[in-house]
Amino acid sequence: MTIALISLFSLMVGIACFVAWRKGLLVINTSVLKNVGEHASAESETNIYEFNDKHISDIVIHRIDMCVLEVDLSYKEVMDVIINRPYNRYPVFEEDIDQIVGIIHVKDILSYLHNHNDTTKFQLRNIMHDPFFILESQRVDLAFKDMQKEQIALAVVLDEYGGTEGLITTEDMVKEMVTDVLQEDDSYVLNKPSFIQQLAGNRYRINANSPLYELEGILGITFPEENFDTLSDFLIDQLGYTPANHEKPNLLYKNVQFEITEHTSQQIQSAIATIYEEGVTYIDQFHKQPS
């Protein structure tokens, strides 16, 4: 997974560099990405220059989505969290989440186990690292350079009052900055999702394996906050069954009509979405659509 992720980043950055060169921008050196999963090299002279105008608050992982460890947890309690919510690093707090006192890496715990047989004496305080703090108002590219300089991969984000707003990683920053460069070039082909094809002004053919969160912005609707990963999952839930081979069912959700065009016995493969104008009845709009 890590190798695949780094390969994807390398490809994206290579294209981003070409786009940025065309626009006269200073670009990212791909050496930043070699250790993006662990730490950014302090010896690298790579920099992200001022082509990014986003702030940390735009991409922060909010505090309610953070997975944190209380500093006095036992070894078993820590391992229960790691097994159920596996990450590389965890913020460590004392008393409440606004008091982050450290960062623990999974490899620190593995190192402890290698050197100690008695886990009853395990204490996060003894093996955690000092936290690195940044302000939510800081610009993404400048924060990245600060974290790169300090060889920090995860930072705790503070709000204007000094409380914990959330966290950010260098990996998130690289994704955001590369995406920004790519989106500046309107002709860049990957800006147009391959999972959707516009058939007419308000009609789209959609691969039903598409993630719902990517469709929300395109269709202009919000899907239910249920455990639906793809459009196929959502449509089957709305229908209440998987369509039979001969069926091509239609359903209306908010102001979008979904016409199921291809499916197997287990999942929906494609659908045509028609977006209706607000305030116009479904029947009126339906009769205006091209066949």
C-alpha atoms as a PDB file:
ATOM      1  CA  MET A   1       0.000   0.000   0.000  1.00  0.00           C
ATOM      2  CA  THR A   2       2.803   2.434   0.919  1.00  0.00           C
ATOM      3  CA  ILE A   3       4.724   1.704  -2.298  1.00  0.00           C
ATOM      4  CA  ALA A   4       1.570   2.210  -4.366  1.00  0.00           C
ATOM      5  CA  LEU A   5       0.805   5.490  -2.603  1.00  0.00           C
ATOM      6  CA  ILE A   6       4.317   6.828  -3.138  1.00  0.00           C
ATOM      7  CA  SER A   7       4.190   5.784  -6.795  1.00  0.00           C
ATOM      8  CA  LEU A   8       0.891   7.618  -7.242  1.00  0.00           C
ATOM      9  CA  PHE A   9       2.291  10.731  -5.571  1.00  0.00           C
ATOM     10  CA  SER A  10       5.391  10.588  -7.759  1.00  0.00           C
ATOM     11  CA  LEU A  11       3.243  10.442 -10.900  1.00  0.00           C
ATOM     12  CA  MET A  12       1.028  13.293  -9.732  1.00  0.00           C
ATOM     13  CA  VAL A  13       3.995  15.425  -8.783  1.00  0.00           C
ATOM     14  CA  GLY A  14       5.705  14.762 -12.100  1.00  0.00           C
ATOM     15  CA  ILE A  15       2.632  16.041 -13.935  1.00  0.00           C
ATOM     16  CA  ALA A  16       2.287  18.915 -11.474  1.00  0.00           C
ATOM     17  CA  CYS A  17       5.863  19.946 -12.157  1.00  0.00           C
ATOM     18  CA  PHE A  18       5.182  20.062 -15.899  1.00  0.00           C
ATOM     19  CA  VAL A  19       2.018  22.108 -15.390  1.00  0.00           C
ATOM     20  CA  ALA A  20       3.796  24.443 -12.990  1.00  0.00           C
ATOM     21  CA  TRP A  21       6.710  24.844 -15.415  1.00  0.00           C
ATOM     22  CA  ARG A  22       4.264  25.905 -18.117  1.00  0.00           C
ATOM     23  CA  LYS A  23       2.868  28.525 -15.761  1.00  0.00           C
ATOM     24  CA  GLY A  24       6.250  29.777 -14.597  1.00  0.00           C
ATOM     25  CA  LEU A  25       5.832  28.447 -11.058  1.00  0.00           C
ATOM     26  CA  LEU A  26       8.457  27.045  -8.755  1.00  0.00           C
ATOM     27  CA  VAL A  27       7.706  23.370  -8.210  1.00  0.00           C
ATOM     28  CA  ILE A  28       7.972  20.447  -5.834  1.00  0.00           C
ATOM     29  CA  ASN A  29      11.030  18.220  -5.975  1.00  0.00           C
ATOM     30  CA  THR A  30       9.918  14.578  -5.844  1.00  0.00           C
ATOM     31  CA  SER A  31      12.482  13.836  -3.136  1.00  0.00           C
ATOM     32  CA  VAL A  32       9.936  15.292  -0.709  1.00  0.00           C
ATOM     33  CA  LEU A  33       7.747  12.293  -1.353  1.00  0.00           C
ATOM     34  CA  LYS A  34      10.287   9.538  -0.792  1.00  0.00           C
ATOM     35  CA  ASN A  35       9.725   9.590   2.955  1.00  0.00           C
ATOM     36  CA  VAL A  36       6.302  11.200   3.055  1.00  0.00           C
ATOM     37  CA  GLY A  37       4.921   8.274   5.045  1.00  0.00           C
ATOM     38  CA  GLU A  38       7.614   8.679   7.714  1.00  0.00           C
ATOM     39  CA  HIS A  39       9.271  12.109   7.713  1.00  0.00           C
ATOM     40  CA  ALA A  40      10.473  14.813   5.379  1.00  0.00           C
ATOM     41  CA  SER A  41      14.260  14.920   5.064  1.00  0.00           C
ATOM     42  CA  ALA A  42      15.902  17.891   6.718  1.00  0.00           C
ATOM     43  CA  GLU A  43      18.831  17.543   4.327  1.00  0.00           C
ATOM     44  CA  SER A  44      16.677  18.013   1.259  1.00  0.00           C
ATOM     45  CA  GLU A  45      16.731  21.479  -0.210  1.00  0.00           C
ATOM     46  CA  THR A  46      13.268  20.902  -1.614  1.00  0.00           C
ATOM     47  CA  ASN A  47      10.767  23.627  -0.873  1.00  0.00           C
ATOM     48  CA  ILE A  48       7.155  24.380  -1.582  1.00  0.00           C
ATOM     49  CA  TYR A  49       7.155  28.017  -2.602  1.00  0.00           C
ATOM     50  CA  GLU A  50       4.400  30.533  -2.404  1.00  0.00           C
ATOM     51  CA  PHE A  51       2.048  29.245  -5.057  1.00  0.00           C
ATOM     52  CA  ASN A  52      -0.463  27.967  -2.504  1.00  0.00           C
ATOM     53  CA  ASP A  53      -2.941  30.337  -0.855  1.00  0.00           C
ATOM     54  CA  LYS A  54      -4.786  27.808   1.297  1.00  0.00           C
ATOM     55  CA  HIS A  55      -4.547  27.728   5.056  1.00  0.00           C
ATOM     56  CA  ILE A  56      -4.318  24.841   7.477  1.00  0.00           C
ATOM     57  CA  SER A  57      -7.935  25.423   8.509  1.00  0.00           C
ATOM     58  CA  ASP A  58      -8.982  24.442   4.959  1.00  0.00           C
ATOM     59  CA  ILE A  59      -7.590  20.905   5.184  1.00  0.00           C
ATOM     60  CA  VAL A  60      -7.298  20.168   8.916  1.00  0.00           C
ATOM     61  CA  ILE A  61      -8.553  16.825  10.230  1.00  0.00           C
ATOM     62  CA  HIS A  62     -11.073  18.079  12.772  1.00  0.00           C
ATOM     63  CA  ARG A  63     -10.768  17.180  16.445  1.00  0.00           C
ATOM     64  CA  ILE A  64     -13.942  15.084  16.375  1.00  0.00           C
ATOM     65  CA  ASP A  65     -12.279  12.819  13.785  1.00  0.00           C
ATOM     66  CA  MET A  66      -8.983  12.489  15.652  1.00  0.00           C
ATOM     67  CA  CYS A  67      -7.970   9.177  17.182  1.00  0.00           C
ATOM     68  CA  VAL A  68      -6.162  10.039  20.410  1.00  0.00           C
ATOM     69  CA  LEU A  69      -4.684   8.190  23.380  1.00  0.00           C
ATOM     70  CA  GLU A  70      -5.009   9.211  27.016  1.00  0.00           C
ATOM     71  CA  VAL A  71      -1.546   9.430  28.531  1.00  0.00           C
ATOM     72  CA  ASP A  72      -2.272   7.050  31.421  1.00  0.00           C
ATOM     73  CA  LEU A  73      -3.680   4.182  29.352  1.00  0.00           C
ATOM     74  CA  SER A  74      -2.300   0.725  30.046  1.00  0.00           C
ATOM     75  CA  TYR A  75      -0.462  -1.297  27.411  1.00  0.00           C
ATOM     76  CA  LYS A  76      -3.574  -3.408  26.731  1.00  0.00           C
ATOM     77  CA  GLU A  77      -5.797  -0.324  26.390  1.00  0.00           C
ATOM     78  CA  VAL A  78      -3.340   1.258  23.953  1.00  0.00           C
ATOM     79  CA  MET A  79      -3.155  -1.914  21.868  1.00  0.00           C
ATOM     80  CA  ASP A  80      -6.967  -2.156  21.769  1.00  0.00           C
ATOM     81  CA  VAL A  81      -7.095   1.304  20.194  1.00  0.00           C
ATOM     82  CA  ILE A  82      -4.303   0.541  17.721  1.00  0.00           C
ATOM     83  CA  ILE A  83      -5.917  -2.724  16.612  1.00  0.00           C
ATOM     84  CA  ASN A  84      -9.367  -1.174  16.148  1.00  0.00           C
ATOM     85  CA  ARG A  85      -8.214   2.137  14.665  1.00  0.00           C
ATOM     86  CA  PRO A  86      -4.840   1.496  13.032  1.00  0.00           C
ATOM     87  CA  TYR A  87      -2.697   4.543  12.236  1.00  0.00           C
ATOM     88  CA  ASN A  88       1.044   5.214  12.257  1.00  0.00           C
ATOM     89  CA  ARG A  89       0.886   7.977  14.846  1.00  0.00           C
ATOM     90  CA  TYR A  90      -1.444   9.015  17.652  1.00  0.00           C
ATOM     91  CA  PRO A  91      -1.691  12.287  19.588  1.00  0.00           C
ATOM     92  CA  VAL A  92      -1.493  11.731  23.347  1.00  0.00           C
ATOM     93  CA  PHE A  93      -3.547  13.929  25.674  1.00  0.00           C
ATOM     94  CA  GLU A  94      -3.769  14.562  29.398  1.00  0.00           C
ATOM     95  CA  GLU A  95      -7.129  15.351  31.024  1.00  0.00           C
ATOM     96  CA  ASP A  96      -8.786  16.527  27.783  1.00  0.00           C
ATOM     97  CA  ILE A  97      -8.120  16.810  24.069  1.00  0.00           C
ATOM     98  CA  ASP A  98      -7.126  20.481  24.420  1.00  0.00           C
ATOM     99  CA  GLN A  99      -4.036  19.335  26.309  1.00  0.00           C
ATOM    100  CA  ILE A 100      -2.008  17.334  23.807  1.00  0.00           C
ATOM    101  CA  VAL A 101       1.213  16.361  25.561  1.00  0.00           C
ATOM    102  CA  GLY A 102       2.858  14.038  23.055  1.00  0.00           C
ATOM    103  CA  ILE A 103       2.827  12.005  19.857  1.00  0.00           C
ATOM    104  CA  ILE A 104       3.343   8.252  19.846  1.00  0.00           C
ATOM    105  CA  HIS A 105       4.414   6.239  16.807  1.00  0.00           C
ATOM    106  CA  VAL A 106       3.490   2.556  16.537  1.00  0.00           C
ATOM    107  CA  LYS A 107       7.155   1.709  16.003  1.00  0.00           C
ATOM    108  CA  ASP A 108       7.903   3.235  19.438  1.00  0.00           C
ATOM    109  CA  ILE A 109       5.586   0.688  21.011  1.00  0.00           C
ATOM    110  CA  LEU A 110       7.149  -2.136  19.006  1.00  0.00           C
ATOM    111  CA  SER A 111      10.579  -0.970  20.130  1.00  0.00           C
ATOM    112  CA  TYR A 112       9.392  -1.006  23.752  1.00  0.00           C
ATOM    113  CA  LEU A 113       8.150  -4.568  23.375  1.00  0.00           C
ATOM    114  CA  HIS A 114      11.462  -5.602  21.851  1.00  0.00           C
ATOM    115  CA  ASN A 115      13.397  -4.224  24.818  1.00  0.00           C
ATOM    116  CA  HIS A 116      11.010  -5.008  27.679  1.00  0.00           C
ATOM    117  CA  ASN A 117       9.268  -8.227  28.599  1.00  0.00           C
ATOM    118  CA  ASP A 118       7.107  -6.721  31.335  1.00  0.00           C
ATOM    119  CA  THR A 119       4.254  -4.669  29.887  1.00  0.00           C
ATOM    120  CA  THR A 120       2.878  -3.888  33.355  1.00  0.00           C
ATOM    121  CA  LYS A 121       5.427  -1.068  33.590  1.00  0.00           C
ATOM    122  CA  PHE A 122       4.458   0.347  30.213  1.00  0.00           C
ATOM    123  CA  GLN A 123       3.894   4.098  30.221  1.00  0.00           C
ATOM    124  CA  LEU A 124       3.206   6.280  27.215  1.00  0.00           C
ATOM    125  CA  ARG A 125       4.932   9.188  28.986  1.00  0.00           C
ATOM    126  CA  ASN A 126       8.262   7.398  28.772  1.00  0.00           C
ATOM    127  CA  ILE A 127       8.241   6.711  25.032  1.00  0.00           C
ATOM    128  CA  MET A 128       6.163   9.476  23.423  1.00  0.00           C
ATOM    129  CA  HIS A 129       7.661  12.398  21.489  1.00  0.00           C
ATOM    130  CA  ASP A 130       7.055  16.095  22.041  1.00  0.00           C
ATOM    131  CA  PRO A 131       4.109  17.370  19.989  1.00  0.00           C
ATOM    132  CA  PHE A 132       4.582  19.893  17.193  1.00  0.00           C
ATOM    133  CA  PHE A 133       1.982  22.666  17.084  1.00  0.00           C
ATOM    134  CA  ILE A 134       0.881  24.903  14.234  1.00  0.00           C
ATOM    135  CA  LEU A 135      -1.887  27.495  13.993  1.00  0.00           C
ATOM    136  CA  GLU A 136      -4.969  26.921  11.883  1.00  0.00           C
ATOM    137  CA  SER A 137      -4.409  30.336  10.288  1.00  0.00           C
ATOM    138  CA  GLN A 138      -0.977  29.363   8.922  1.00  0.00           C
ATOM    139  CA  ARG A 139      -0.596  28.899   5.186  1.00  0.00           C
ATOM    140  CA  VAL A 140      -0.271  25.298   4.009  1.00  0.00           C
ATOM    141  CA  ASP A 141       2.950  25.752   2.050  1.00  0.00           C
ATOM    142  CA  LEU A 142       4.694  27.611   4.895  1.00  0.00           C
ATOM    143  CA  ALA A 143       3.549  25.066   7.475  1.00  0.00           C
ATOM    144  CA  PHE A 144       4.881  22.300   5.250  1.00  0.00           C
ATOM    145  CA  LYS A 145       8.321  23.935   5.138  1.00  0.00           C
ATOM    146  CA  ASP A 146       8.333  24.250   8.945  1.00  0.00           C
ATOM    147  CA  MET A 147       7.434  20.590   9.398  1.00  0.00           C
ATOM    148  CA  GLN A 148       9.952  19.532   6.773  1.00  0.00           C
ATOM    149  CA  LYS A 149      12.689  21.472   8.570  1.00  0.00           C
ATOM    150  CA  GLU A 150      11.857  19.811  11.902  1.00  0.00           C
ATOM    151  CA  GLN A 151      11.402  16.348  10.337  1.00  0.00           C
ATOM    152  CA  ILE A 152       7.817  16.248  11.592  1.00  0.00           C
ATOM    153  CA  ALA A 153       5.142  14.178   9.821  1.00  0.00           C
ATOM    154  CA  LEU A 154       2.165  15.008  12.073  1.00  0.00           C
ATOM    155  CA  ALA A 155       1.310  18.308  13.743  1.00  0.00           C
ATOM    156  CA  VAL A 156      -1.398  19.325  16.191  1.00  0.00           C
ATOM    157  CA  VAL A 157      -3.416  22.271  14.890  1.00  0.00           C
ATOM    158  CA  LEU A 158      -4.393  24.985  17.375  1.00  0.00           C
ATOM    159  CA  ASP A 159      -7.318  27.366  17.055  1.00  0.00           C
ATOM    160  CA  GLU A 160      -7.175  31.079  17.799  1.00  0.00           C
ATOM    161  CA  TYR A 161      -7.709  30.422  21.523  1.00  0.00           C
ATOM    162  CA  GLY A 162      -4.951  27.824  21.826  1.00  0.00           C
ATOM    163  CA  GLY A 163      -7.314  24.864  21.926  1.00  0.00           C
ATOM    164  CA  THR A 164      -6.959  21.778  19.763  1.00  0.00           C
ATOM    165  CA  GLU A 165      -8.603  22.345  16.389  1.00  0.00           C
ATOM    166  CA  GLY A 166      -7.395  19.065  14.914  1.00  0.00           C
ATOM    167  CA  LEU A 167      -4.315  17.591  13.257  1.00  0.00           C
ATOM    168  CA  ILE A 168      -2.519  17.692   9.935  1.00  0.00           C
ATOM    169  CA  THR A 169       0.080  15.495   8.242  1.00  0.00           C
ATOM    170  CA  THR A 170       2.696  16.271   5.610  1.00  0.00           C
ATOM    171  CA  GLU A 171       1.003  13.667   3.427  1.00  0.00           C
ATOM    172  CA  ASP A 172      -2.243  15.685   3.505  1.00  0.00           C
ATOM    173  CA  MET A 173      -0.304  18.840   2.648  1.00  0.00           C
ATOM    174  CA  VAL A 174       1.438  17.292  -0.350  1.00  0.00           C
ATOM    175  CA  LYS A 175      -1.878  15.999  -1.689  1.00  0.00           C
ATOM    176  CA  GLU A 176      -3.445  19.429  -1.325  1.00  0.00           C
ATOM    177  CA  MET A 177      -0.590  21.350  -2.917  1.00  0.00           C
ATOM    178  CA  VAL A 178      -0.222  18.965  -5.849  1.00  0.00           C
ATOM    179  CA  THR A 179      -3.976  19.053  -6.441  1.00  0.00           C
ATOM    180  CA  ASP A 180      -3.942  22.858  -6.439  1.00  0.00           C
ATOM    181  CA  VAL A 181      -1.244  22.986  -9.108  1.00  0.00           C
ATOM    182  CA  LEU A 182      -3.020  20.453 -11.312  1.00  0.00           C
ATOM    183  CA  GLN A 183      -6.343  22.270 -11.055  1.00  0.00           C
ATOM    184  CA  GLU A 184      -4.797  25.523 -12.251  1.00  0.00           C
ATOM    185  CA  ASP A 185      -4.467  24.003 -15.721  1.00  0.00           C
ATOM    186  CA  ASP A 186      -7.981  23.670 -17.162  1.00  0.00           C
ATOM    187  CA  SER A 187      -6.746  21.357 -19.909  1.00  0.00           C
ATOM    188  CA  TYR A 188      -5.352  18.770 -17.487  1.00  0.00           C
ATOM    189  CA  VAL A 189      -7.285  15.613 -18.297  1.00  0.00           C
ATOM    190  CA  LEU A 190      -7.441  14.205 -14.764  1.00  0.00           C
ATOM    191  CA  ASN A 191      -9.459  17.226 -13.648  1.00  0.00           C
ATOM    192  CA  LYS A 192     -12.368  15.538 -15.430  1.00  0.00           C
ATOM    193  CA  PRO A 193     -13.377  12.433 -13.467  1.00  0.00           C
ATOM    194  CA  SER A 194     -13.358   9.273 -15.556  1.00  0.00           C
ATOM    195  CA  PHE A 195     -16.278   7.823 -13.615  1.00  0.00           C
ATOM    196  CA  ILE A 196     -18.800  10.317 -14.994  1.00  0.00           C
ATOM    197  CA  GLN A 197     -19.787  11.262 -18.540  1.00  0.00           C
ATOM    198  CA  GLN A 198     -22.029  14.200 -19.398  1.00  0.00           C
ATOM    199  CA  LEU A 199     -24.723  13.137 -21.865  1.00  0.00           C
ATOM    200  CA  ALA A 200     -26.664  16.401 -22.005  1.00  0.00           C
ATOM    201  CA  GLY A 201     -26.902  19.592 -20.020  1.00  0.00           C
ATOM    202  CA  ASN A 202     -28.304  17.911 -16.944  1.00  0.00           C
ATOM    203  CA  ARG A 203     -27.841  14.197 -17.667  1.00  0.00           C
ATOM    204  CA  TYR A 204     -24.802  12.174 -16.598  1.00  0.00           C
ATOM    205  CA  ARG A 205     -23.794   8.556 -17.029  1.00  0.00           C
ATOM    206  CA  ILE A 206     -22.119   7.433 -13.809  1.00  0.00           C
ATOM    207  CA  ASN A 207     -20.053   4.405 -12.888  1.00  0.00           C
ATOM    208  CA  ALA A 208     -21.973   3.111  -9.863  1.00  0.00           C
ATOM    209  CA  ASN A 209     -18.739   2.131  -8.130  1.00  0.00           C
ATOM    210  CA  SER A 210     -17.995   5.851  -7.748  1.00  0.00           C
ATOM    211  CA  PRO A 211     -17.531   7.083  -4.148  1.00  0.00           C
ATOM    212  CA  LEU A 212     -20.507   9.102  -2.935  1.00  0.00           C
ATOM    213  CA  TYR A 213     -18.429  11.963  -1.556  1.00  0.00           C
ATOM    214  CA  GLU A 214     -17.088  12.705  -5.042  1.00  0.00           C
ATOM    215  CA  LEU A 215     -20.566  12.725  -6.565  1.00  0.00           C
ATOM    216  CA  GLU A 216     -22.050  15.174  -4.085  1.00  0.00           C
ATOM    217  CA  GLY A 217     -20.261  18.182  -5.549  1.00  0.00           C
ATOM    218  CA  ILE A 218     -21.034  17.153  -9.138  1.00  0.00           C
ATOM    219  CA  LEU A 219     -24.729  16.408  -8.571  1.00  0.00           C
ATOM    220  CA  GLY A 220     -25.249  19.205  -6.056  1.00  0.00           C
ATOM    221  CA  ILE A 221     -26.855  17.001  -3.416  1.00  0.00           C
ATOM    222  CA  THR A 222     -25.892  15.540  -0.061  1.00  0.00           C
ATOM    223  CA  PHE A 223     -26.293  11.815   0.433  1.00  0.00           C
ATOM    224  CA  PRO A 224     -27.429  10.319   3.770  1.00  0.00           C
ATOM    225  CA  GLU A 225     -24.731   9.923   6.404  1.00  0.00           C
ATOM    226  CA  GLU A 226     -25.054   6.154   6.359  1.00  0.00           C
ATOM    227  CA  ASN A 227     -22.414   3.518   5.741  1.00  0.00           C
ATOM    228  CA  PHE A 228     -22.610   3.813   1.958  1.00  0.00           C
ATOM    229  CA  ASP A 229     -19.283   3.792   0.161  1.00  0.00           C
ATOM    230  CA  THR A 230     -20.465   3.827  -3.450  1.00  0.00           C
ATOM    231  CA  LEU A 231     -23.421   4.909  -5.538  1.00  0.00           C
ATOM    232  CA  SER A 232     -24.264   1.226  -6.041  1.00  0.00           C
ATOM    233  CA  ASP A 233     -24.600   0.710  -2.265  1.00  0.00           C
ATOM    234  CA  PHE A 234     -26.819   3.784  -1.969  1.00  0.00           C
ATOM    235  CA  LEU A 235     -29.120   2.879  -4.874  1.00  0.00           C
ATOM    236  CA  ILE A 236     -29.607  -0.702  -3.663  1.00  0.00           C
ATOM    237  CA  ASP A 237     -30.486   0.634  -0.217  1.00  0.00           C
ATOM    238  CA  GLN A 238     -32.987   3.103  -1.705  1.00  0.00           C
ATOM    239  CA  LEU A 239     -34.599   0.393  -3.849  1.00  0.00           C
ATOM    240  CA  GLY A 240     -34.579  -2.150  -1.051  1.00  0.00           C
ATOM    241  CA  TYR A 241     -33.359  -4.902  -3.367  1.00  0.00           C
ATOM    242  CA  THR A 242     -30.913  -5.720  -6.150  1.00  0.00           C
ATOM    243  CA  PRO A 243     -32.718  -5.435  -9.533  1.00  0.00           C
ATOM    244  CA  ALA A 244     -33.364  -8.576 -11.558  1.00  0.00           C
ATOM    245  CA  ASN A 245     -31.691  -8.966 -14.936  1.00  0.00           C
ATOM    246  CA  HIS A 246     -34.610  -7.604 -16.963  1.00  0.00           C
ATOM    247  CA  GLU A 247     -35.259  -4.597 -14.703  1.00  0.00           C
ATOM    248  CA  LYS A 248     -34.133  -1.017 -15.359  1.00  0.00           C
ATOM    249  CA  PRO A 249     -35.645   0.751 -12.342  1.00  0.00           C
ATOM    250  CA  ASN A 250     -35.794   4.505 -11.779  1.00  0.00           C
ATOM    251  CA  LEU A 251     -35.811   6.316  -8.486  1.00  0.00           C
ATOM    252  CA  LEU A 252     -35.883   9.955  -7.459  1.00  0.00           C
ATOM    253  CA  TYR A 253     -33.693  11.236  -4.639  1.00  0.00           C
ATOM    254  CA  LYS A 254     -34.136  14.930  -3.846  1.00  0.00           C
ATOM    255  CA  ASN A 255     -33.955  16.623  -7.271  1.00  0.00           C
ATOM    256  CA  VAL A 256     -31.934  13.895  -8.993  1.00  0.00           C
ATOM    257  CA  GLN A 257     -33.472  10.993 -10.908  1.00  0.00           C
ATOM    258  CA  PHE A 258     -31.349   7.845 -11.115  1.00  0.00           C
ATOM    259  CA  GLU A 259     -32.022   5.436 -13.964  1.00  0.00           C
ATOM    260  CA  ILE A 260     -30.217   2.138 -13.414  1.00  0.00           C
ATOM    261  CA  THR A 261     -28.828   0.977 -16.767  1.00  0.00           C
ATOM    262  CA  GLU A 262     -26.424  -1.869 -15.956  1.00  0.00           C
ATOM    263  CA  HIS A 263     -26.252  -4.288 -13.044  1.00  0.00           C
ATOM    264  CA  THR A 264     -25.328  -7.787 -11.997  1.00  0.00           C
ATOM    265  CA  SER A 265     -27.048 -10.015  -9.481  1.00  0.00           C
ATOM    266  CA  GLN A 266     -25.002  -8.435  -6.700  1.00  0.00           C
ATOM    267  CA  GLN A 267     -24.381  -4.809  -7.575  1.00  0.00           C
ATOM    268  CA  ILE A 268     -25.346  -1.912  -9.819  1.00  0.00           C
ATOM    269  CA  GLN A 269     -22.690  -1.079 -12.373  1.00  0.00           C
ATOM    270  CA  SER A 270     -23.917   2.128 -13.998  1.00  0.00           C
ATOM    271  CA  ALA A 271     -26.749   4.640 -13.833  1.00  0.00           C
ATOM    272  CA  ILE A 272     -27.882   7.788 -15.589  1.00  0.00           C
ATOM    273  CA  ALA A 273     -28.467  10.748 -13.288  1.00  0.00           C
ATOM    274  CA  THR A 274     -30.774  13.569 -14.373  1.00  0.00           C
ATOM    275  CA  ILE A 275     -30.580  16.750 -12.320  1.00  0.00           C
ATOM    276  CA  TYR A 276     -33.869  18.652 -12.183  1.00  0.00           C
ATOM    277  CA  GLU A 277     -34.225  22.347 -11.525  1.00  0.00           C
ATOM    278  CA  GLU A 278     -35.337  23.346  -8.067  1.00  0.00           C
ATOM    279  CA  GLY A 279     -39.032  24.234  -7.986  1.00  0.00           C
ATOM    280  CA  VAL A 280     -39.851  22.350 -11.211  1.00  0.00           C
ATOM    281  CA  THR A 281     -41.946  19.219 -10.847  1.00  0.00           C
ATOM    282  CA  TYR A 282     -40.467  15.834 -11.592  1.00  0.00           C
ATOM    283  CA  ILE A 283     -43.138  15.040 -14.218  1.00  0.00           C
ATOM    284  CA  ASP A 284     -42.670  18.356 -16.076  1.00  0.00           C
ATOM    285  CA  GLN A 285     -38.924  17.944 -16.234  1.00  0.00           C
ATOM    286  CA  PHE A 286     -39.116  14.269 -17.107  1.00  0.00           C
ATOM    287  CA  HIS A 287     -41.041  14.960 -20.309  1.00  0.00           C
ATOM    288  CA  LYS A 288     -38.460  17.525 -21.381  1.00  0.00           C
ATOM    289  CA  GLN A 289     -35.553  15.083 -21.237  1.00  0.00           C
ATOM    290  CA  PRO A 290     -34.052  13.662 -24.436  1.00  0.00           C
ATOM    291  CA  SER A 291     -34.497   9.918 -24.877  1.00  0.00           C
END
